[in-house]
Amino acid sequence: MVERRIELDRRYARKKKMRKLKAQLETATGEQREKLLYKVKRLSPFWTPPAKPEAK
């Protein structure tokens, strides 16, 4: 049960960090955006940034 708790704690921390990074990514530009994308990719390699909606 200890291993399961450790695994869950890691997962919760990762989700919390991803929410924080995604929030920062919305307003970031340039070099700062590239750093944030690097951090997100390290946490979740299969994550892709959402497509920007087209303006009408």
Protein backbone atom coordinates (compact mmCIF):
# COMPACT_ATOMS: atom_id res chain seq x y z
CA MET A 1 0.00 0.00 0.00
CA VAL A 2 2.97 2.31 0.61
CA GLU A 3 4.06 2.05 -3.02
CA ARG A 4 0.55 2.93 -4.17
CA ARG A 5 0.47 6.02 -1.95
CA ILE A 6 3.84 7.17 -3.29
CA GLU A 7 2.62 6.65 -6.85
CA LEU A 8 -0.57 8.61 -6.19
CA ASP A 9 1.32 11.45 -4.53
CA ARG A 10 3.61 11.72 -7.57
CA ARG A 11 0.62 11.76 -9.88
CA TYR A 12 -1.14 14.49 -7.90
CA ALA A 13 2.01 16.61 -7.81
CA ARG A 14 2.49 16.17 -11.56
CA LYS A 15 -1.10 17.22 -12.27
CA LYS A 16 -0.74 20.28 -10.04
CA LYS A 17 2.50 21.27 -11.77
CA MET A 18 0.95 20.78 -15.22
CA ARG A 19 -1.98 23.06 -14.32
CA LYS A 20 0.47 25.72 -13.17
CA LEU A 21 2.64 25.44 -16.29
CA LYS A 22 -0.36 25.49 -18.64
CA ALA A 23 -1.67 28.65 -16.95
CA GLN A 24 1.71 30.33 -17.39
CA LEU A 25 1.91 29.12 -20.98
CA GLU A 26 -1.27 30.98 -21.94
CA THR A 27 0.36 34.37 -21.38
CA ALA A 28 4.00 33.54 -22.18
CA THR A 29 5.76 34.62 -25.36
CA GLY A 30 9.15 34.15 -26.94
CA GLU A 31 11.95 32.56 -24.97
CA GLN A 32 9.84 32.17 -21.82
CA ARG A 33 7.27 30.17 -23.81
CA GLU A 34 9.99 27.85 -25.13
CA LYS A 35 11.23 27.19 -21.58
CA LEU A 36 7.72 26.39 -20.40
CA LEU A 37 7.11 24.06 -23.35
CA TYR A 38 10.36 22.26 -22.52
CA LYS A 39 9.23 21.77 -18.91
CA VAL A 40 5.80 20.52 -19.96
CA LYS A 41 7.32 18.08 -22.44
CA ARG A 42 9.62 16.69 -19.72
CA LEU A 43 6.62 16.04 -17.47
CA SER A 44 4.37 14.69 -20.20
CA PRO A 45 6.15 13.75 -23.46
CA PHE A 46 2.93 13.05 -25.40
CA TRP A 47 1.28 16.37 -24.55
CA THR A 48 0.63 18.70 -27.47
CA PRO A 49 -0.34 22.36 -27.22
CA PRO A 50 -3.99 23.03 -28.03
CA ALA A 51 -4.70 24.45 -31.47
CA LYS A 52 -5.51 28.15 -31.43
CA PRO A 53 -9.08 28.87 -32.55
CA GLU A 54 -9.37 30.75 -35.80
CA ALA A 55 -10.66 34.32 -35.56
CA LYS A 56 -13.77 35.03 -37.58
